[in-house]
Amino acid sequence: MVKASIQTNNAPAAIGTYSQAVKVDSTVYLSGQIPLDPATMEIVGGGIEAQITRVFDNLNAVAKASGGSLKDVVKLNIFLTDMSNFPALNEIMAKYFTEPYPARAAIGVAALPKAAQVEMDAVLVLE
């Protein structure tokens, strides 16, 4: 098994003891992304739509750094502090993914780091 850490300046730097992603053979495990602007390391303004969009952009940046893209996502985990934001999530997700869609879980949580309203992690399989 060959394990490599993935890092890019186009996504927020890790704010703890973890890698932005870890690649093992052709599988890439993307760490959870919250809606941090990578330039400022602050949560983006503009409400839940802006936060969801920023998270997808952050995931995409890490996916690209690994040699892939969001089209390679096979599993997506989504954490929301307010499940009433689920329709907005689905609407925005449709802008980033096409069929066959990744497997997905959407989980309601009490709180996320830095008071974010959304966090997502993903698994990619590269060809």
C-alpha atoms as a PDB file:
ATOM      1  CA  MET A   1       0.000   0.000   0.000  1.00  0.00           C
ATOM      2  CA  VAL A   2       1.293   3.426  -0.966  1.00  0.00           C
ATOM      3  CA  LYS A   3      -0.192   6.269   1.071  1.00  0.00           C
ATOM      4  CA  ALA A   4       0.359   9.927   0.107  1.00  0.00           C
ATOM      5  CA  SER A   5      -0.861  13.174   1.642  1.00  0.00           C
ATOM      6  CA  ILE A   6      -2.552  15.647  -0.723  1.00  0.00           C
ATOM      7  CA  GLN A   7      -2.218  19.394  -0.129  1.00  0.00           C
ATOM      8  CA  THR A   8      -3.210  22.471  -2.134  1.00  0.00           C
ATOM      9  CA  ASN A   9      -3.239  26.197  -1.430  1.00  0.00           C
ATOM     10  CA  ASN A  10      -6.504  26.407  -3.420  1.00  0.00           C
ATOM     11  CA  ALA A  11      -8.425  24.972  -0.456  1.00  0.00           C
ATOM     12  CA  PRO A  12      -8.281  25.911   3.228  1.00  0.00           C
ATOM     13  CA  ALA A  13      -5.220  24.692   5.091  1.00  0.00           C
ATOM     14  CA  ALA A  14      -5.842  21.953   7.633  1.00  0.00           C
ATOM     15  CA  ILE A  15      -6.789  23.446  11.011  1.00  0.00           C
ATOM     16  CA  GLY A  16      -5.765  20.373  12.960  1.00  0.00           C
ATOM     17  CA  THR A  17      -3.773  17.181  12.811  1.00  0.00           C
ATOM     18  CA  TYR A  18      -5.023  15.890   9.472  1.00  0.00           C
ATOM     19  CA  SER A  19      -4.307  16.044   5.728  1.00  0.00           C
ATOM     20  CA  GLN A  20      -6.592  17.753   3.228  1.00  0.00           C
ATOM     21  CA  ALA A  21      -6.734  14.326   1.589  1.00  0.00           C
ATOM     22  CA  VAL A  22      -4.945  10.998   1.603  1.00  0.00           C
ATOM     23  CA  LYS A  23      -4.420   8.971  -1.557  1.00  0.00           C
ATOM     24  CA  VAL A  24      -4.074   5.197  -1.308  1.00  0.00           C
ATOM     25  CA  ASP A  25      -3.491   3.604  -4.698  1.00  0.00           C
ATOM     26  CA  SER A  26      -6.399   4.886  -6.862  1.00  0.00           C
ATOM     27  CA  THR A  27      -8.646   5.883  -3.934  1.00  0.00           C
ATOM     28  CA  VAL A  28      -8.584   9.386  -2.439  1.00  0.00           C
ATOM     29  CA  TYR A  29     -10.150  10.198   0.929  1.00  0.00           C
ATOM     30  CA  LEU A  30     -10.987  13.905   1.186  1.00  0.00           C
ATOM     31  CA  SER A  31     -11.154  15.337   4.684  1.00  0.00           C
ATOM     32  CA  GLY A  32     -14.165  17.327   5.769  1.00  0.00           C
ATOM     33  CA  GLN A  33     -14.377  20.791   4.256  1.00  0.00           C
ATOM     34  CA  ILE A  34     -16.242  23.662   5.841  1.00  0.00           C
ATOM     35  CA  PRO A  35     -17.007  26.908   3.971  1.00  0.00           C
ATOM     36  CA  LEU A  36     -13.685  28.606   4.631  1.00  0.00           C
ATOM     37  CA  ASP A  37     -12.288  30.980   2.052  1.00  0.00           C
ATOM     38  CA  PRO A  38      -8.763  29.606   1.479  1.00  0.00           C
ATOM     39  CA  ALA A  39      -7.315  33.122   1.180  1.00  0.00           C
ATOM     40  CA  THR A  40      -8.684  34.428   4.482  1.00  0.00           C
ATOM     41  CA  MET A  41      -9.435  31.208   6.393  1.00  0.00           C
ATOM     42  CA  GLU A  42     -12.758  32.814   7.387  1.00  0.00           C
ATOM     43  CA  ILE A  43     -16.276  31.447   6.847  1.00  0.00           C
ATOM     44  CA  VAL A  44     -17.784  32.951   3.694  1.00  0.00           C
ATOM     45  CA  GLY A  45     -20.705  35.331   4.051  1.00  0.00           C
ATOM     46  CA  GLY A  46     -23.918  35.192   2.079  1.00  0.00           C
ATOM     47  CA  GLY A  47     -25.967  32.509   3.790  1.00  0.00           C
ATOM     48  CA  ILE A  48     -26.310  28.770   3.338  1.00  0.00           C
ATOM     49  CA  GLU A  49     -26.156  28.858  -0.471  1.00  0.00           C
ATOM     50  CA  ALA A  50     -22.762  30.584  -0.384  1.00  0.00           C
ATOM     51  CA  GLN A  51     -21.540  28.156   2.275  1.00  0.00           C
ATOM     52  CA  ILE A  52     -22.603  25.067   0.302  1.00  0.00           C
ATOM     53  CA  THR A  53     -21.015  26.461  -2.866  1.00  0.00           C
ATOM     54  CA  ARG A  54     -17.743  27.229  -1.051  1.00  0.00           C
ATOM     55  CA  VAL A  55     -17.612  23.691   0.374  1.00  0.00           C
ATOM     56  CA  PHE A  56     -18.053  22.159  -3.093  1.00  0.00           C
ATOM     57  CA  ASP A  57     -15.369  24.503  -4.470  1.00  0.00           C
ATOM     58  CA  ASN A  58     -13.005  23.490  -1.645  1.00  0.00           C
ATOM     59  CA  LEU A  59     -13.653  19.787  -2.254  1.00  0.00           C
ATOM     60  CA  ASN A  60     -13.081  20.293  -5.976  1.00  0.00           C
ATOM     61  CA  ALA A  61      -9.740  22.035  -5.336  1.00  0.00           C
ATOM     62  CA  VAL A  62      -8.511  19.120  -3.223  1.00  0.00           C
ATOM     63  CA  ALA A  63      -9.843  16.614  -5.767  1.00  0.00           C
ATOM     64  CA  LYS A  64      -7.915  18.421  -8.525  1.00  0.00           C
ATOM     65  CA  ALA A  65      -4.750  18.401  -6.411  1.00  0.00           C
ATOM     66  CA  SER A  66      -5.120  14.617  -6.175  1.00  0.00           C
ATOM     67  CA  GLY A  67      -5.354  14.256  -9.953  1.00  0.00           C
ATOM     68  CA  GLY A  68      -9.139  13.991 -10.113  1.00  0.00           C
ATOM     69  CA  SER A  69     -12.277  16.082  -9.957  1.00  0.00           C
ATOM     70  CA  LEU A  70     -15.741  15.959  -8.460  1.00  0.00           C
ATOM     71  CA  LYS A  71     -16.767  13.598 -11.287  1.00  0.00           C
ATOM     72  CA  ASP A  72     -14.628  10.970  -9.531  1.00  0.00           C
ATOM     73  CA  VAL A  73     -16.577  11.172  -6.252  1.00  0.00           C
ATOM     74  CA  VAL A  74     -18.154   7.837  -5.354  1.00  0.00           C
ATOM     75  CA  LYS A  75     -19.255   8.707  -1.782  1.00  0.00           C
ATOM     76  CA  LEU A  76     -20.209  12.055  -0.287  1.00  0.00           C
ATOM     77  CA  ASN A  77     -20.997  12.695   3.373  1.00  0.00           C
ATOM     78  CA  ILE A  78     -22.829  15.922   4.189  1.00  0.00           C
ATOM     79  CA  PHE A  79     -23.319  17.402   7.656  1.00  0.00           C
ATOM     80  CA  LEU A  80     -25.907  20.162   8.135  1.00  0.00           C
ATOM     81  CA  THR A  81     -26.677  22.097  11.292  1.00  0.00           C
ATOM     82  CA  ASP A  82     -30.193  22.765   9.964  1.00  0.00           C
ATOM     83  CA  MET A  83     -31.908  20.069   7.909  1.00  0.00           C
ATOM     84  CA  SER A  84     -34.299  22.673   6.482  1.00  0.00           C
ATOM     85  CA  ASN A  85     -31.330  23.589   4.230  1.00  0.00           C
ATOM     86  CA  PHE A  86     -31.613  20.194   2.502  1.00  0.00           C
ATOM     87  CA  PRO A  87     -33.520  21.574  -0.556  1.00  0.00           C
ATOM     88  CA  ALA A  88     -30.819  24.217  -1.117  1.00  0.00           C
ATOM     89  CA  LEU A  89     -28.188  21.522  -0.847  1.00  0.00           C
ATOM     90  CA  ASN A  90     -29.888  19.401  -3.527  1.00  0.00           C
ATOM     91  CA  GLU A  91     -30.295  22.390  -5.858  1.00  0.00           C
ATOM     92  CA  ILE A  92     -26.637  23.409  -5.587  1.00  0.00           C
ATOM     93  CA  MET A  93     -25.356  19.838  -5.723  1.00  0.00           C
ATOM     94  CA  ALA A  94     -27.048  19.433  -9.115  1.00  0.00           C
ATOM     95  CA  LYS A  95     -24.715  22.144 -10.468  1.00  0.00           C
ATOM     96  CA  TYR A  96     -21.628  20.114  -9.507  1.00  0.00           C
ATOM     97  CA  PHE A  97     -22.656  16.513 -10.246  1.00  0.00           C
ATOM     98  CA  THR A  98     -24.286  14.561 -13.065  1.00  0.00           C
ATOM     99  CA  GLU A  99     -25.615  11.016 -13.171  1.00  0.00           C
ATOM    100  CA  PRO A 100     -24.569   8.600 -11.976  1.00  0.00           C
ATOM    101  CA  TYR A 101     -24.574  10.635  -8.766  1.00  0.00           C
ATOM    102  CA  PRO A 102     -22.293   9.620  -5.912  1.00  0.00           C
ATOM    103  CA  ALA A 103     -23.637   7.630  -2.999  1.00  0.00           C
ATOM    104  CA  ARG A 104     -24.501  10.127  -0.280  1.00  0.00           C
ATOM    105  CA  ALA A 105     -25.427  10.577   3.346  1.00  0.00           C
ATOM    106  CA  ALA A 106     -26.894  13.796   4.759  1.00  0.00           C
ATOM    107  CA  ILE A 107     -26.683  14.028   8.520  1.00  0.00           C
ATOM    108  CA  GLY A 108     -28.092  16.634  10.878  1.00  0.00           C
ATOM    109  CA  VAL A 109     -25.593  17.754  13.525  1.00  0.00           C
ATOM    110  CA  ALA A 110     -25.742  20.139  16.470  1.00  0.00           C
ATOM    111  CA  ALA A 111     -22.631  22.149  15.588  1.00  0.00           C
ATOM    112  CA  LEU A 112     -19.646  22.311  13.241  1.00  0.00           C
ATOM    113  CA  PRO A 113     -16.189  23.920  13.520  1.00  0.00           C
ATOM    114  CA  LYS A 114     -16.096  27.724  13.354  1.00  0.00           C
ATOM    115  CA  ALA A 115     -19.926  27.826  13.490  1.00  0.00           C
ATOM    116  CA  ALA A 116     -20.183  26.600   9.880  1.00  0.00           C
ATOM    117  CA  GLN A 117     -23.639  25.508   8.719  1.00  0.00           C
ATOM    118  CA  VAL A 118     -22.330  22.735   6.441  1.00  0.00           C
ATOM    119  CA  GLU A 119     -19.393  20.339   6.185  1.00  0.00           C
ATOM    120  CA  MET A 120     -18.704  17.640   3.600  1.00  0.00           C
ATOM    121  CA  ASP A 121     -16.149  14.917   3.049  1.00  0.00           C
ATOM    122  CA  ALA A 122     -15.795  12.610   0.078  1.00  0.00           C
ATOM    123  CA  VAL A 123     -14.171   9.523  -1.374  1.00  0.00           C
ATOM    124  CA  LEU A 124     -12.843   9.564  -4.957  1.00  0.00           C
ATOM    125  CA  VAL A 125     -11.766   6.691  -7.133  1.00  0.00           C
ATOM    126  CA  LEU A 126      -9.348   7.716  -9.883  1.00  0.00           C
ATOM    127  CA  GLU A 127      -9.096   5.872 -13.181  1.00  0.00           C
END
